[in-house]
Amino acid sequence: MLTSMAKNKDSKLVASQRNYGYSNEKIVEDSQGNYGYSNDAIGKGLINKDVYFLESALHPGKKMNLKDVVQKPTKAAFLPRPMAESIPFSIQELPQIYKYYSLEPKSAEANLLKETIENCERPAIQGEAKYCATSLETFIDLGVSKMGKNIQLLSNELEKETENQEFSISQGVKMMGESEIVCHKMKYAYAVFLCHSIDETAVYRVPVVGADGTRAIALAVCHKDTSAWNPKHLAFQVLKVKPGTIPICHFLARETLVWISSN
C-alpha cells in the first residue's frame, strides 16, 4: 500500500491510492494468464465467480457479485501537467524515482511504482492501442486526439457507499458503443490512468440494485474477439470456454473511466 508518497514543490503530500481491487491484475497477466491468482485458488473457488461472464448474463433479474464496483474510492488525484512532466516516469529512471520518493528499491512501495510503470510501457497486444495519462490535461488531450471532440466520459455511479456486494440487474441495460477507450486507475503516488482500446469490444451501461436496496450504474465491457488471448487466461478457466469462441465480459472497477463517442 502506498502512503503519502508524491511531493509537490511546496513539500505538501499528495494522497496515495488504496484498496485498488482487481483492475491492475486485469491489465497485467502473469505467465499463466491468471492475473495473480494461483491455479489452486481457481480450483478451490476462492475467486469472485462473477469476475468474468457471458454477454447473455446481462439481463434483468440476473444476480451478480460487484465487488469491484463498490470498492472504496482512492484519494490519489491528478497532478497539474507541468508538475507531472517534471517528475521522472520511466523504467530507465527508476533510480531517480526511488530517490524522489525516498524509497528503498526493494520495498513494497517501490515495487508498486515499478509495476505501474511497467504496465504503461508494455507493448500493446494484437488489436490494442494504449497510453498512460499522468495529468488531467493529458487525460483529456489524449482522449480527444484518439476519438475527436464529440466524446463523453462514462463512469460507475454508486448511490451511496455500501459494504454489500450482491446486486441484481435492473431494466434498462444499454449498449453504449463499440468504439471506446477504457482507462484504468493505476497504483501510484498520484493519479495515473492506463487507457486502452481493444478491437471488437462493446461497453454496456448496466442499472443494478443491491440486496440492501442500493442503486448503481455499473459499466461492463464485452470482448467480442478473444482469439489472441492467452489460452490459460483466467476467463477461459472460469467460464470453461476456448479463445475466440464466444464474447467474454467483465464489469469495470469503480474508478475506471470510459471515453465513448457522442455520435
Protein backbone atom coordinates (compact mmCIF):
# COMPACT_ATOMS: atom_id res chain seq x y z
CA MET A 1 0.00 0.00 0.00
CA LEU A 2 1.29 3.43 -0.91
CA THR A 3 1.23 6.10 1.77
CA SER A 4 1.65 9.81 1.03
CA MET A 5 4.45 9.45 -1.48
CA ALA A 6 4.23 12.25 -4.05
CA LYS A 7 5.76 15.58 -3.03
CA ASN A 8 4.98 18.81 -4.79
CA LYS A 9 7.23 21.85 -4.89
CA ASP A 10 5.79 23.13 -1.62
CA SER A 11 6.62 19.81 0.09
CA LYS A 12 2.93 19.01 0.56
CA LEU A 13 1.92 15.38 0.13
CA VAL A 14 -0.43 14.01 -2.49
CA ALA A 15 -2.58 11.26 -1.01
CA SER A 16 -1.81 7.78 -2.22
CA GLN A 17 -4.02 5.17 -3.75
CA ARG A 18 -5.51 2.46 -1.53
CA ASN A 19 -7.73 -0.64 -1.76
CA TYR A 20 -7.34 -0.93 -5.52
CA GLY A 21 -9.10 -4.24 -6.22
CA TYR A 22 -8.77 -6.23 -9.44
CA SER A 23 -8.01 -3.57 -12.04
CA ASN A 24 -4.21 -3.75 -12.08
CA GLU A 25 -4.44 -7.53 -12.25
CA LYS A 26 -6.75 -7.33 -15.23
CA ILE A 27 -4.17 -5.36 -17.18
CA VAL A 28 -1.03 -7.38 -16.49
CA GLU A 29 -1.36 -11.12 -16.72
CA ASP A 30 1.18 -13.49 -15.26
CA SER A 31 2.65 -16.38 -17.23
CA GLN A 32 -0.46 -18.44 -16.51
CA GLY A 33 -2.83 -15.72 -17.63
CA ASN A 34 -4.41 -15.80 -14.17
CA TYR A 35 -3.81 -12.20 -13.12
CA GLY A 36 -2.19 -13.03 -9.83
CA TYR A 37 -4.47 -15.91 -8.86
CA SER A 38 -2.92 -19.33 -8.36
CA ASN A 39 -4.32 -22.37 -10.13
CA ASP A 40 -5.03 -23.77 -6.66
CA ALA A 41 -7.14 -20.73 -5.77
CA ILE A 42 -9.06 -21.06 -9.02
CA GLY A 43 -9.64 -24.75 -8.47
CA LYS A 44 -10.93 -24.19 -4.94
CA GLY A 45 -13.30 -21.42 -5.99
CA LEU A 46 -11.52 -18.73 -3.97
CA ILE A 47 -12.14 -16.00 -6.55
CA ASN A 48 -15.23 -13.98 -7.41
CA LYS A 49 -17.26 -16.29 -9.65
CA ASP A 50 -18.67 -13.27 -11.48
CA VAL A 51 -15.31 -11.69 -12.36
CA TYR A 52 -15.96 -12.88 -15.94
CA PHE A 53 -19.32 -13.76 -17.51
CA LEU A 54 -21.02 -14.24 -20.86
CA GLU A 55 -22.89 -11.48 -22.69
CA SER A 56 -26.14 -13.42 -22.25
CA ALA A 57 -25.93 -12.75 -18.48
CA LEU A 58 -26.72 -9.05 -18.99
CA HIS A 59 -30.46 -9.36 -18.47
CA PRO A 60 -32.90 -8.08 -15.79
CA GLY A 61 -33.00 -10.22 -12.66
CA LYS A 62 -29.53 -11.69 -13.05
CA LYS A 63 -27.68 -11.62 -9.71
CA MET A 64 -24.02 -10.62 -9.77
CA ASN A 65 -21.23 -10.04 -7.25
CA LEU A 66 -19.97 -6.50 -7.94
CA LYS A 67 -17.04 -6.33 -5.52
CA ASP A 68 -15.05 -4.09 -7.86
CA VAL A 69 -17.88 -1.59 -8.33
CA VAL A 70 -18.43 -0.97 -4.60
CA GLN A 71 -14.77 -0.78 -3.58
CA LYS A 72 -13.84 2.38 -1.70
CA PRO A 73 -12.59 5.19 -3.96
CA THR A 74 -8.95 6.15 -3.63
CA LYS A 75 -7.56 9.56 -2.77
CA ALA A 76 -4.90 9.73 -5.46
CA ALA A 77 -5.51 12.86 -7.56
CA PHE A 78 -4.07 14.13 -10.83
CA LEU A 79 -1.09 16.46 -10.61
CA PRO A 80 -1.02 19.59 -12.80
CA ARG A 81 0.64 18.76 -16.11
CA PRO A 82 3.78 20.88 -15.52
CA MET A 83 4.39 19.12 -12.21
CA ALA A 84 3.65 15.63 -13.59
CA GLU A 85 6.02 16.22 -16.51
CA SER A 86 8.77 17.36 -14.14
CA ILE A 87 8.74 14.04 -12.23
CA PRO A 88 10.59 11.04 -13.76
CA PHE A 89 8.27 8.32 -15.09
CA SER A 90 10.06 5.51 -16.93
CA ILE A 91 11.78 2.24 -16.19
CA GLN A 92 15.14 3.80 -17.11
CA GLU A 93 14.55 6.49 -14.49
CA LEU A 94 13.60 4.15 -11.61
CA PRO A 95 16.67 5.11 -9.51
CA GLN A 96 15.68 8.79 -9.75
CA ILE A 97 12.05 7.94 -8.96
CA TYR A 98 13.04 5.99 -5.85
CA LYS A 99 15.24 8.87 -4.77
CA TYR A 100 12.46 11.40 -5.40
CA TYR A 101 10.10 9.48 -3.13
CA SER A 102 12.82 8.42 -0.65
CA LEU A 103 12.12 4.73 -1.26
CA GLU A 104 14.28 1.67 -0.80
CA PRO A 105 14.47 -0.08 -4.20
CA LYS A 106 13.34 -3.42 -2.73
CA SER A 107 10.44 -2.00 -0.69
CA ALA A 108 6.79 -2.85 -1.37
CA GLU A 109 6.08 0.77 -2.27
CA ALA A 110 8.92 0.82 -4.79
CA ASN A 111 7.61 -2.38 -6.35
CA LEU A 112 4.13 -0.87 -6.80
CA LEU A 113 5.58 2.10 -8.65
CA LYS A 114 7.71 -0.18 -10.80
CA GLU A 115 4.73 -2.39 -11.71
CA THR A 116 2.63 0.59 -12.79
CA ILE A 117 5.41 1.98 -14.98
CA GLU A 118 5.94 -1.47 -16.50
CA ASN A 119 2.21 -1.61 -17.27
CA CYS A 120 2.44 1.74 -19.00
CA GLU A 121 5.49 0.73 -21.03
CA ARG A 122 4.45 -2.78 -22.01
CA PRO A 123 3.88 -3.35 -25.74
CA ALA A 124 0.28 -3.28 -26.93
CA ILE A 125 -1.27 -6.66 -27.68
CA GLN A 126 -2.81 -7.51 -31.05
CA GLY A 127 -5.73 -5.18 -31.79
CA GLU A 128 -4.99 -2.83 -28.87
CA ALA A 129 -4.00 0.83 -28.69
CA LYS A 130 -2.77 2.11 -25.31
CA TYR A 131 -1.27 5.05 -23.44
CA CYS A 132 -0.89 6.34 -19.88
CA ALA A 133 -2.12 9.73 -18.65
CA THR A 134 -0.41 11.31 -15.63
CA SER A 135 -2.31 14.61 -15.58
CA LEU A 136 -5.90 15.74 -16.19
CA GLU A 137 -4.80 17.82 -19.17
CA THR A 138 -3.08 14.81 -20.74
CA PHE A 139 -6.05 12.58 -19.95
CA ILE A 140 -8.40 14.91 -21.86
CA ASP A 141 -6.00 15.75 -24.69
CA LEU A 142 -5.24 12.11 -25.46
CA GLY A 143 -8.94 11.20 -25.38
CA VAL A 144 -9.70 13.95 -27.89
CA SER A 145 -6.71 13.06 -30.08
CA LYS A 146 -7.82 9.43 -30.28
CA MET A 147 -11.58 9.90 -30.69
CA GLY A 148 -12.21 13.51 -31.68
CA LYS A 149 -14.04 16.28 -29.86
CA ASN A 150 -17.51 14.69 -29.84
CA ILE A 151 -16.89 12.36 -26.91
CA GLN A 152 -18.31 11.77 -23.46
CA LEU A 153 -16.85 10.21 -20.33
CA LEU A 154 -18.64 7.33 -18.57
CA SER A 155 -18.07 6.18 -15.01
CA ASN A 156 -19.60 3.81 -12.50
CA GLU A 157 -22.26 5.54 -10.38
CA LEU A 158 -23.00 4.42 -6.83
CA GLU A 159 -25.99 5.89 -4.96
CA LYS A 160 -24.21 5.57 -1.61
CA GLU A 161 -21.29 3.79 0.00
CA THR A 162 -22.14 0.19 0.84
CA GLU A 163 -20.46 -2.97 2.05
CA ASN A 164 -22.97 -5.04 0.09
CA GLN A 165 -21.53 -6.77 -2.99
CA GLU A 166 -24.60 -8.65 -4.19
CA PHE A 167 -26.61 -6.87 -6.90
CA SER A 168 -29.36 -7.72 -9.37
CA ILE A 169 -29.50 -6.30 -12.87
CA SER A 170 -32.47 -3.99 -13.46
CA GLN A 171 -34.34 -2.93 -16.61
CA GLY A 172 -32.54 -0.55 -18.94
CA VAL A 173 -29.27 -2.28 -19.88
CA LYS A 174 -27.85 -0.22 -22.75
CA MET A 175 -25.01 -0.90 -25.16
CA MET A 176 -23.16 2.43 -25.37
CA GLY A 177 -20.97 1.64 -28.35
CA GLU A 178 -18.16 -0.47 -29.74
CA SER A 179 -15.61 2.30 -30.13
CA GLU A 180 -14.28 3.32 -26.73
CA ILE A 181 -11.18 3.92 -24.64
CA VAL A 182 -11.18 2.28 -21.21
CA CYS A 183 -8.99 3.99 -18.60
CA HIS A 184 -7.90 2.03 -15.53
CA LYS A 185 -6.71 3.92 -12.45
CA MET A 186 -3.33 2.50 -11.50
CA LYS A 187 -1.49 2.12 -8.21
CA TYR A 188 0.75 5.16 -7.94
CA ALA A 189 1.62 8.09 -5.70
CA TYR A 190 -0.67 10.34 -7.77
CA ALA A 191 -3.40 9.61 -10.30
CA VAL A 192 -2.16 7.63 -13.30
CA PHE A 193 -4.61 6.13 -15.77
CA LEU A 194 -3.70 3.40 -18.22
CA CYS A 195 -6.04 3.87 -21.17
CA HIS A 196 -6.51 1.35 -23.94
CA SER A 197 -8.89 0.43 -26.69
CA ILE A 198 -9.27 -3.12 -27.94
CA ASP A 199 -10.84 -4.03 -31.28
CA GLU A 200 -14.32 -5.54 -31.18
CA THR A 201 -15.12 -4.56 -27.61
CA ALA A 202 -18.58 -3.29 -26.56
CA VAL A 203 -19.31 -1.20 -23.47
CA TYR A 204 -22.58 -1.54 -21.56
CA ARG A 205 -24.29 0.74 -19.03
CA VAL A 206 -25.97 -1.61 -16.55
CA PRO A 207 -28.51 -0.42 -13.92
CA VAL A 208 -28.32 -2.59 -10.80
CA VAL A 209 -29.88 -2.70 -7.34
CA GLY A 210 -28.18 -4.19 -4.30
CA ALA A 211 -29.54 -6.68 -1.81
CA ASP A 212 -29.61 -3.75 0.64
CA GLY A 213 -31.53 -1.52 -1.79
CA THR A 214 -28.52 0.50 -3.00
CA ARG A 215 -28.89 1.53 -6.63
CA ALA A 216 -25.97 1.88 -9.01
CA ILE A 217 -24.97 2.15 -12.64
CA ALA A 218 -22.23 -0.35 -13.40
CA LEU A 219 -20.09 -0.34 -16.54
CA ALA A 220 -19.32 -3.62 -18.24
CA VAL A 221 -17.29 -4.45 -21.33
CA CYS A 222 -17.65 -7.46 -23.60
CA HIS A 223 -14.69 -8.57 -25.72
CA LYS A 224 -16.04 -9.99 -28.97
CA ASP A 225 -12.74 -11.42 -30.22
CA THR A 226 -10.56 -13.31 -27.73
CA SER A 227 -8.65 -15.34 -30.30
CA ALA A 228 -5.35 -13.59 -29.44
CA TRP A 229 -5.71 -14.11 -25.67
CA ASN A 230 -3.50 -16.49 -23.72
CA PRO A 231 -5.29 -19.90 -23.71
CA LYS A 232 -4.53 -20.10 -19.97
CA HIS A 233 -6.26 -16.77 -19.29
CA LEU A 234 -8.37 -16.78 -16.13
CA ALA A 235 -11.54 -16.03 -18.12
CA PHE A 236 -11.32 -19.30 -20.02
CA GLN A 237 -10.82 -21.25 -16.81
CA VAL A 238 -13.74 -19.56 -15.06
CA LEU A 239 -16.16 -19.86 -18.00
CA LYS A 240 -14.78 -23.13 -19.40
CA VAL A 241 -14.63 -21.83 -22.97
CA LYS A 242 -11.85 -21.59 -25.54
CA PRO A 243 -10.22 -18.49 -27.10
CA GLY A 244 -12.15 -16.93 -29.96
CA THR A 245 -15.34 -18.91 -29.44
CA ILE A 246 -17.69 -16.52 -27.60
CA PRO A 247 -17.67 -12.93 -26.25
CA ILE A 248 -16.29 -12.59 -22.71
CA CYS A 249 -17.49 -9.81 -20.41
CA HIS A 250 -16.46 -8.23 -17.12
CA PHE A 251 -17.54 -5.27 -15.01
CA LEU A 252 -15.13 -2.38 -14.61
CA ALA A 253 -13.66 -1.35 -11.26
CA ARG A 254 -15.22 1.63 -9.54
CA GLU A 255 -12.70 4.27 -10.62
CA THR A 256 -12.32 3.07 -14.18
CA LEU A 257 -13.37 5.68 -16.75
CA VAL A 258 -14.52 5.15 -20.33
CA TRP A 259 -14.37 7.56 -23.26
CA ILE A 260 -17.06 6.93 -25.89
CA SER A 261 -18.18 8.77 -29.00
CA SER A 262 -21.14 11.13 -28.60
CA ASN A 263 -22.25 10.50 -32.17
